[in-house]
Amino acid sequence: MKVEQRAIADLRPSSLNYNRHSDSQIIRLADSLRAHGQQKPIVIQADGTILAGHGLVEAAKQLGWTMIDCHVYDGEHPEAFIAADNYLATLAEPDEAALGALLSRLNEQGDLLASGYYEGEFAELRARLAGKVAAKEPTLKEAYLVVIQCEDELQQLDVLRLIEEKGWKARALLS
């Protein structure tokens, strides 16, 4: 497989891509790029139309990248590749015990955030694996409160990520 660098400004999303990438997913993809760099190329057509990697391109833009690694699709069915790339990954069945063991190891090493998982998600997985209901969250009357007013969901998710990086617990409220 040949990989080449292309200017992000020269790429364009496929009008056939049916996946929508939320702001929170773009934040996580940007965090992954920050932690790991780009470890696999996006897939494009020769004219710069993105077939796979739309979210990754958006995350790279957010990080201020101007270039990205690309593989130029050389098959016979580019439209079918969009559907296959988006759909086939959803057919995997995660082994939660193996995932829990991996995340426990990463958490002990201080690398949980680099995995794309947040502490709250890891805690939910541990509770499921233990066969228990997660511990009751304190009510607002029982908790010491700090209110941070964010401009939008994107900023809220960024603040939550920073808080979790410190090892503190937080939850998002919408008012």
C-alpha atoms as a PDB file:
ATOM      1  CA  MET A   1       0.000   0.000   0.000  1.00  0.00           C
ATOM      2  CA  LYS A   2       1.380   3.344  -1.034  1.00  0.00           C
ATOM      3  CA  VAL A   3       0.917   6.246   1.409  1.00  0.00           C
ATOM      4  CA  GLU A   4       1.364   9.864   0.404  1.00  0.00           C
ATOM      5  CA  GLN A   5       0.963  13.184   2.142  1.00  0.00           C
ATOM      6  CA  ARG A   6      -1.750  15.502   0.848  1.00  0.00           C
ATOM      7  CA  ALA A   7      -2.711  19.026   1.805  1.00  0.00           C
ATOM      8  CA  ILE A   8      -5.901  18.913   3.864  1.00  0.00           C
ATOM      9  CA  ALA A   9      -7.130  21.978   1.959  1.00  0.00           C
ATOM     10  CA  ASP A  10      -7.081  19.877  -1.241  1.00  0.00           C
ATOM     11  CA  LEU A  11      -9.363  17.176   0.209  1.00  0.00           C
ATOM     12  CA  ARG A  12     -13.134  17.177   0.213  1.00  0.00           C
ATOM     13  CA  PRO A  13     -15.660  14.954   1.958  1.00  0.00           C
ATOM     14  CA  SER A  14     -17.642  12.476  -0.076  1.00  0.00           C
ATOM     15  CA  SER A  15     -21.271  13.449  -0.470  1.00  0.00           C
ATOM     16  CA  LEU A  16     -22.018   9.727  -0.023  1.00  0.00           C
ATOM     17  CA  ASN A  17     -20.561   9.493   3.478  1.00  0.00           C
ATOM     18  CA  TYR A  18     -23.533   8.811   5.736  1.00  0.00           C
ATOM     19  CA  ASN A  19     -21.720   8.866   9.092  1.00  0.00           C
ATOM     20  CA  ARG A  20     -22.025  12.072  11.086  1.00  0.00           C
ATOM     21  CA  HIS A  21     -19.234  12.945  13.493  1.00  0.00           C
ATOM     22  CA  SER A  22     -20.253  14.652  16.721  1.00  0.00           C
ATOM     23  CA  ASP A  23     -18.137  17.331  18.338  1.00  0.00           C
ATOM     24  CA  SER A  24     -17.317  14.893  21.153  1.00  0.00           C
ATOM     25  CA  GLN A  25     -16.029  12.299  18.678  1.00  0.00           C
ATOM     26  CA  ILE A  26     -13.876  14.915  16.934  1.00  0.00           C
ATOM     27  CA  ILE A  27     -12.399  15.886  20.327  1.00  0.00           C
ATOM     28  CA  ARG A  28     -11.539  12.248  21.026  1.00  0.00           C
ATOM     29  CA  LEU A  29     -10.033  11.800  17.572  1.00  0.00           C
ATOM     30  CA  ALA A  30      -7.956  14.959  18.089  1.00  0.00           C
ATOM     31  CA  ASP A  31      -6.828  13.625  21.474  1.00  0.00           C
ATOM     32  CA  SER A  32      -5.818  10.386  19.759  1.00  0.00           C
ATOM     33  CA  LEU A  33      -3.857  12.242  17.078  1.00  0.00           C
ATOM     34  CA  ARG A  34      -2.151  14.274  19.804  1.00  0.00           C
ATOM     35  CA  ALA A  35      -1.252  11.125  21.771  1.00  0.00           C
ATOM     36  CA  HIS A  36      -0.299   8.807  18.922  1.00  0.00           C
ATOM     37  CA  GLY A  37       0.123  10.812  15.743  1.00  0.00           C
ATOM     38  CA  GLN A  38      -1.485   9.498  12.589  1.00  0.00           C
ATOM     39  CA  GLN A  39      -0.877   5.750  12.604  1.00  0.00           C
ATOM     40  CA  LYS A  40      -3.010   4.844   9.600  1.00  0.00           C
ATOM     41  CA  PRO A  41      -3.764   6.792   6.449  1.00  0.00           C
ATOM     42  CA  ILE A  42      -7.148   8.044   5.400  1.00  0.00           C
ATOM     43  CA  VAL A  43      -8.424   6.689   2.074  1.00  0.00           C
ATOM     44  CA  ILE A  44      -9.131   9.054  -0.801  1.00  0.00           C
ATOM     45  CA  GLN A  45      -9.814   8.979  -4.520  1.00  0.00           C
ATOM     46  CA  ALA A  46      -7.221  10.463  -6.865  1.00  0.00           C
ATOM     47  CA  ASP A  47      -9.235  13.699  -7.058  1.00  0.00           C
ATOM     48  CA  GLY A  48      -9.029  14.194  -3.269  1.00  0.00           C
ATOM     49  CA  THR A  49     -12.504  12.928  -2.371  1.00  0.00           C
ATOM     50  CA  ILE A  50     -12.370  11.302   1.069  1.00  0.00           C
ATOM     51  CA  LEU A  51     -13.680   7.738   1.172  1.00  0.00           C
ATOM     52  CA  ALA A  52     -12.597   6.826   4.724  1.00  0.00           C
ATOM     53  CA  GLY A  53     -11.331   9.100   7.460  1.00  0.00           C
ATOM     54  CA  HIS A  54     -13.744  12.034   7.383  1.00  0.00           C
ATOM     55  CA  GLY A  55     -13.678  12.428  11.182  1.00  0.00           C
ATOM     56  CA  LEU A  56      -9.897  12.128  11.313  1.00  0.00           C
ATOM     57  CA  VAL A  57      -9.543  14.944   8.783  1.00  0.00           C
ATOM     58  CA  GLU A  58     -11.818  17.174  10.898  1.00  0.00           C
ATOM     59  CA  ALA A  59      -9.753  16.372  14.000  1.00  0.00           C
ATOM     60  CA  ALA A  60      -6.510  17.126  12.155  1.00  0.00           C
ATOM     61  CA  LYS A  61      -7.955  20.489  11.069  1.00  0.00           C
ATOM     62  CA  GLN A  62      -8.831  21.238  14.683  1.00  0.00           C
ATOM     63  CA  LEU A  63      -5.210  20.583  15.621  1.00  0.00           C
ATOM     64  CA  GLY A  64      -4.020  22.956  12.908  1.00  0.00           C
ATOM     65  CA  TRP A  65      -2.554  20.264  10.667  1.00  0.00           C
ATOM     66  CA  THR A  66      -2.161  21.221   7.028  1.00  0.00           C
ATOM     67  CA  MET A  67      -1.022  17.821   5.692  1.00  0.00           C
ATOM     68  CA  ILE A  68      -2.321  14.301   6.271  1.00  0.00           C
ATOM     69  CA  ASP A  69      -1.253  10.800   5.222  1.00  0.00           C
ATOM     70  CA  CYS A  70      -3.476   9.311   2.502  1.00  0.00           C
ATOM     71  CA  HIS A  71      -3.819   6.101   0.573  1.00  0.00           C
ATOM     72  CA  VAL A  72      -5.300   6.573  -2.890  1.00  0.00           C
ATOM     73  CA  TYR A  73      -8.008   3.955  -3.391  1.00  0.00           C
ATOM     74  CA  ASP A  74      -7.100   1.605  -6.208  1.00  0.00           C
ATOM     75  CA  GLY A  75     -10.074  -0.750  -6.179  1.00  0.00           C
ATOM     76  CA  GLU A  76     -13.035  -0.963  -8.533  1.00  0.00           C
ATOM     77  CA  HIS A  77     -15.879  -0.002  -6.157  1.00  0.00           C
ATOM     78  CA  PRO A  78     -15.135   3.257  -4.302  1.00  0.00           C
ATOM     79  CA  GLU A  79     -18.763   3.886  -3.331  1.00  0.00           C
ATOM     80  CA  ALA A  80     -19.110   0.388  -1.906  1.00  0.00           C
ATOM     81  CA  PHE A  81     -15.871   0.932   0.022  1.00  0.00           C
ATOM     82  CA  ILE A  82     -17.491   3.858   1.893  1.00  0.00           C
ATOM     83  CA  ALA A  83     -20.299   1.584   3.076  1.00  0.00           C
ATOM     84  CA  ALA A  84     -17.962  -1.321   3.855  1.00  0.00           C
ATOM     85  CA  ASP A  85     -15.536   0.842   5.850  1.00  0.00           C
ATOM     86  CA  ASN A  86     -18.329   2.384   7.919  1.00  0.00           C
ATOM     87  CA  TYR A  87     -20.375  -0.767   8.434  1.00  0.00           C
ATOM     88  CA  LEU A  88     -18.006  -3.705   8.827  1.00  0.00           C
ATOM     89  CA  ALA A  89     -16.311  -2.320  11.954  1.00  0.00           C
ATOM     90  CA  THR A  90     -19.715  -2.230  13.674  1.00  0.00           C
ATOM     91  CA  LEU A  91     -19.975  -6.024  13.322  1.00  0.00           C
ATOM     92  CA  ALA A  92     -17.145  -6.661  15.792  1.00  0.00           C
ATOM     93  CA  GLU A  93     -18.185  -8.091  19.146  1.00  0.00           C
ATOM     94  CA  PRO A  94     -15.992  -6.741  21.923  1.00  0.00           C
ATOM     95  CA  ASP A  95     -14.757  -9.110  24.609  1.00  0.00           C
ATOM     96  CA  GLU A  96     -15.469  -6.875  27.594  1.00  0.00           C
ATOM     97  CA  ALA A  97     -13.258  -8.901  29.924  1.00  0.00           C
ATOM     98  CA  ALA A  98     -10.277  -8.481  27.592  1.00  0.00           C
ATOM     99  CA  LEU A  99     -11.107  -4.791  27.160  1.00  0.00           C
ATOM    100  CA  GLY A 100     -11.366  -4.376  30.931  1.00  0.00           C
ATOM    101  CA  ALA A 101      -7.971  -6.005  31.423  1.00  0.00           C
ATOM    102  CA  LEU A 102      -6.393  -3.765  28.788  1.00  0.00           C
ATOM    103  CA  LEU A 103      -7.967  -0.590  30.196  1.00  0.00           C
ATOM    104  CA  SER A 104      -6.938  -1.566  33.747  1.00  0.00           C
ATOM    105  CA  ARG A 105      -3.370  -1.945  32.569  1.00  0.00           C
ATOM    106  CA  LEU A 106      -3.480   1.392  30.725  1.00  0.00           C
ATOM    107  CA  ASN A 107      -5.055   3.080  33.740  1.00  0.00           C
ATOM    108  CA  GLU A 108      -2.271   1.785  36.010  1.00  0.00           C
ATOM    109  CA  GLN A 109       0.282   3.176  33.554  1.00  0.00           C
ATOM    110  CA  GLY A 110      -1.506   6.539  33.427  1.00  0.00           C
ATOM    111  CA  ASP A 111      -2.439   6.010  29.770  1.00  0.00           C
ATOM    112  CA  LEU A 112      -6.227   5.628  29.999  1.00  0.00           C
ATOM    113  CA  LEU A 113      -6.991   8.891  28.184  1.00  0.00           C
ATOM    114  CA  ALA A 114      -4.676   7.901  25.333  1.00  0.00           C
ATOM    115  CA  SER A 115      -6.999   4.924  24.757  1.00  0.00           C
ATOM    116  CA  GLY A 116      -9.950   7.158  23.915  1.00  0.00           C
ATOM    117  CA  TYR A 117     -11.843   6.040  27.035  1.00  0.00           C
ATOM    118  CA  TYR A 118     -12.741   8.426  29.825  1.00  0.00           C
ATOM    119  CA  GLU A 119     -12.684   7.455  33.500  1.00  0.00           C
ATOM    120  CA  GLY A 120     -16.483   7.347  33.708  1.00  0.00           C
ATOM    121  CA  GLU A 121     -16.706   4.861  30.844  1.00  0.00           C
ATOM    122  CA  PHE A 122     -13.991   2.736  32.423  1.00  0.00           C
ATOM    123  CA  ALA A 123     -15.863   2.772  35.745  1.00  0.00           C
ATOM    124  CA  GLU A 124     -19.078   1.661  34.000  1.00  0.00           C
ATOM    125  CA  LEU A 125     -17.230  -1.200  32.318  1.00  0.00           C
ATOM    126  CA  ARG A 126     -15.687  -2.304  35.635  1.00  0.00           C
ATOM    127  CA  ALA A 127     -19.135  -2.245  37.242  1.00  0.00           C
ATOM    128  CA  ARG A 128     -20.616  -4.352  34.435  1.00  0.00           C
ATOM    129  CA  LEU A 129     -17.769  -6.827  34.688  1.00  0.00           C
ATOM    130  CA  ALA A 130     -18.213  -7.043  38.439  1.00  0.00           C
ATOM    131  CA  GLY A 131     -21.913  -7.694  37.891  1.00  0.00           C
ATOM    132  CA  LYS A 132     -22.805  -4.768  40.095  1.00  0.00           C
ATOM    133  CA  VAL A 133     -24.665  -1.565  39.552  1.00  0.00           C
ATOM    134  CA  ALA A 134     -22.318   1.391  39.563  1.00  0.00           C
ATOM    135  CA  ALA A 135     -22.124   3.231  42.871  1.00  0.00           C
ATOM    136  CA  LYS A 136     -24.803   5.835  43.425  1.00  0.00           C
ATOM    137  CA  GLU A 137     -23.726   9.253  42.226  1.00  0.00           C
ATOM    138  CA  PRO A 138     -24.095  11.932  44.863  1.00  0.00           C
ATOM    139  CA  THR A 139     -27.042  14.227  44.430  1.00  0.00           C
ATOM    140  CA  LEU A 140     -26.362  17.889  43.878  1.00  0.00           C
ATOM    141  CA  LYS A 141     -27.240  18.516  47.568  1.00  0.00           C
ATOM    142  CA  GLU A 142     -24.565  16.001  48.695  1.00  0.00           C
ATOM    143  CA  ALA A 143     -21.788  17.239  46.420  1.00  0.00           C
ATOM    144  CA  TYR A 144     -19.411  20.156  46.648  1.00  0.00           C
ATOM    145  CA  LEU A 145     -20.219  22.166  43.566  1.00  0.00           C
ATOM    146  CA  VAL A 146     -18.187  24.121  41.093  1.00  0.00           C
ATOM    147  CA  VAL A 147     -20.155  25.474  38.167  1.00  0.00           C
ATOM    148  CA  ILE A 148     -18.315  26.215  34.935  1.00  0.00           C
ATOM    149  CA  GLN A 149     -20.401  27.898  32.287  1.00  0.00           C
ATOM    150  CA  CYS A 150     -19.364  26.789  28.802  1.00  0.00           C
ATOM    151  CA  GLU A 151     -20.205  28.445  25.516  1.00  0.00           C
ATOM    152  CA  ASP A 152     -21.201  25.208  23.761  1.00  0.00           C
ATOM    153  CA  GLU A 153     -21.087  21.390  23.890  1.00  0.00           C
ATOM    154  CA  LEU A 154     -17.606  21.296  22.371  1.00  0.00           C
ATOM    155  CA  GLN A 155     -16.162  23.502  25.114  1.00  0.00           C
ATOM    156  CA  GLN A 156     -18.061  21.513  27.763  1.00  0.00           C
ATOM    157  CA  LEU A 157     -16.546  18.232  26.546  1.00  0.00           C
ATOM    158  CA  ASP A 158     -13.089  19.794  26.480  1.00  0.00           C
ATOM    159  CA  VAL A 159     -13.493  20.985  30.096  1.00  0.00           C
ATOM    160  CA  LEU A 160     -14.741  17.532  31.181  1.00  0.00           C
ATOM    161  CA  ARG A 161     -11.719  15.910  29.525  1.00  0.00           C
ATOM    162  CA  LEU A 162      -9.347  18.261  31.357  1.00  0.00           C
ATOM    163  CA  ILE A 163     -11.044  17.543  34.681  1.00  0.00           C
ATOM    164  CA  GLU A 164     -10.864  13.773  34.117  1.00  0.00           C
ATOM    165  CA  GLU A 165      -7.170  14.090  33.197  1.00  0.00           C
ATOM    166  CA  LYS A 166      -6.653  15.424  36.737  1.00  0.00           C
ATOM    167  CA  GLY A 167      -8.385  12.339  38.110  1.00  0.00           C
ATOM    168  CA  TRP A 168     -11.373  14.339  39.374  1.00  0.00           C
ATOM    169  CA  LYS A 169     -14.984  13.396  38.845  1.00  0.00           C
ATOM    170  CA  ALA A 170     -17.356  15.634  36.927  1.00  0.00           C
ATOM    171  CA  ARG A 171     -20.634  15.351  35.137  1.00  0.00           C
ATOM    172  CA  ALA A 172     -22.221  17.469  32.488  1.00  0.00           C
ATOM    173  CA  LEU A 173     -25.465  19.280  33.176  1.00  0.00           C
ATOM    174  CA  LEU A 174     -27.560  21.117  30.652  1.00  0.00           C
ATOM    175  CA  SER A 175     -29.565  24.109  31.808  1.00  0.00           C
END
